[in-house]
Amino acid sequence: MLENIFPKTIFVEKWKKEFGQERAFTKQLSIVTEELFEAQKDFSQEKYDKAIAELVDVMQAASTAMRMIPGYTNQKVDDAIIAVTQKNHDRGYYE
């Protein structure tokens, strides 16, 4: 599922080599946070199309972070998507 949405970025291997596994992952999580703040700022300024684009950046940044996790596979992400969707369904979160 995820592999079909976002290709692997150059930062997965580059940052792991440059910073080490944990620092690379932490750095990437800071990118996720930055993108969230940008989305919030655009939304508060009623720049809704930009807010949507920033949230897509959040998804891309999260995808990159997942690929930095040891043992990452596309199948593990697909399984997690299914499990989280089921969990949220069971909680009544979906229409």
Protein backbone atom coordinates (compact mmCIF):
# COMPACT_ATOMS: atom_id res chain seq x y z
CA MET A 1 0.00 0.00 0.00
CA LEU A 2 2.52 2.61 1.17
CA GLU A 3 5.14 1.63 -1.42
CA ASN A 4 2.65 2.55 -4.14
CA ILE A 5 2.11 6.01 -2.64
CA PHE A 6 5.63 7.25 -1.89
CA PRO A 7 8.97 6.13 -3.28
CA LYS A 8 11.91 5.68 -0.93
CA THR A 9 13.70 8.98 -0.36
CA ILE A 10 17.45 9.48 -0.50
CA PHE A 11 17.50 10.33 3.20
CA VAL A 12 16.88 6.79 4.45
CA GLU A 13 20.38 5.49 3.70
CA LYS A 14 22.17 8.84 3.53
CA TRP A 15 21.21 9.90 7.05
CA LYS A 16 21.75 6.45 8.55
CA LYS A 17 25.32 6.54 7.20
CA GLU A 18 25.87 10.15 8.19
CA PHE A 19 24.26 10.21 11.65
CA GLY A 20 23.78 6.59 12.68
CA GLN A 21 20.50 4.73 13.04
CA GLU A 22 19.03 6.46 16.08
CA ARG A 23 20.05 10.03 15.23
CA ALA A 24 18.81 9.60 11.66
CA PHE A 25 15.44 8.39 12.92
CA THR A 26 15.20 11.22 15.45
CA LYS A 27 16.13 13.75 12.77
CA GLN A 28 13.44 12.37 10.48
CA LEU A 29 10.83 12.58 13.25
CA SER A 30 11.72 16.25 13.60
CA ILE A 31 10.91 16.64 9.90
CA VAL A 32 7.50 15.05 10.53
CA THR A 33 6.92 17.57 13.33
CA GLU A 34 8.03 20.51 11.16
CA GLU A 35 5.59 19.48 8.44
CA LEU A 36 2.77 19.26 11.01
CA PHE A 37 3.49 22.79 12.20
CA GLU A 38 3.52 24.04 8.60
CA ALA A 39 0.13 22.42 8.00
CA GLN A 40 -1.30 24.00 11.14
CA LYS A 41 0.04 27.43 10.14
CA ASP A 42 -1.43 27.20 6.64
CA PHE A 43 -4.76 26.00 8.01
CA SER A 44 -4.95 28.86 10.52
CA GLN A 45 -4.28 31.30 7.65
CA GLU A 46 -7.09 29.66 5.64
CA LYS A 47 -4.59 28.42 3.05
CA TYR A 48 -6.40 25.11 2.86
CA ASP A 49 -4.81 23.77 -0.32
CA LYS A 50 -1.37 24.42 1.17
CA ALA A 51 -2.44 22.74 4.41
CA ILE A 52 -3.43 19.64 2.43
CA ALA A 53 -0.07 19.64 0.66
CA GLU A 54 1.75 19.94 3.99
CA LEU A 55 -0.20 16.99 5.37
CA VAL A 56 0.90 14.97 2.35
CA ASP A 57 4.44 16.03 3.27
CA VAL A 58 3.73 14.63 6.76
CA MET A 59 2.78 11.32 5.16
CA GLN A 60 5.95 11.31 3.05
CA ALA A 61 8.12 12.20 6.04
CA ALA A 62 6.47 9.46 8.13
CA SER A 63 7.03 7.01 5.28
CA THR A 64 10.72 7.93 5.28
CA ALA A 65 10.89 7.45 9.06
CA MET A 66 9.31 4.00 8.80
CA ARG A 67 11.90 2.98 6.25
CA MET A 68 14.62 3.87 8.78
CA ILE A 69 13.33 1.34 11.31
CA PRO A 70 15.40 -1.86 11.44
CA GLY A 71 13.48 -4.77 9.95
CA TYR A 72 11.25 -2.49 7.87
CA THR A 73 9.40 -4.24 5.09
CA ASN A 74 6.54 -3.13 2.88
CA GLN A 75 4.54 -6.08 4.20
CA LYS A 76 4.97 -4.95 7.83
CA VAL A 77 3.65 -1.50 6.92
CA ASP A 78 0.73 -3.00 4.98
CA ASP A 79 -0.07 -5.24 7.96
CA ALA A 80 0.11 -2.25 10.32
CA ILE A 81 -2.22 -0.22 8.09
CA ILE A 82 -4.74 -3.06 8.13
CA ALA A 83 -4.41 -3.51 11.92
CA VAL A 84 -4.76 0.21 12.67
CA THR A 85 -7.73 0.49 10.30
CA GLN A 86 -9.41 -2.44 12.04
CA LYS A 87 -8.63 -1.01 15.50
CA ASN A 88 -10.12 2.36 14.55
CA HIS A 89 -13.13 0.65 12.96
CA ASP A 90 -13.70 -1.27 16.18
CA ARG A 91 -13.55 2.01 18.11
CA GLY A 92 -16.23 3.48 15.87
CA TYR A 93 -14.03 6.15 14.29
CA TYR A 94 -15.26 5.67 10.71
CA GLU A 95 -18.48 6.79 9.07
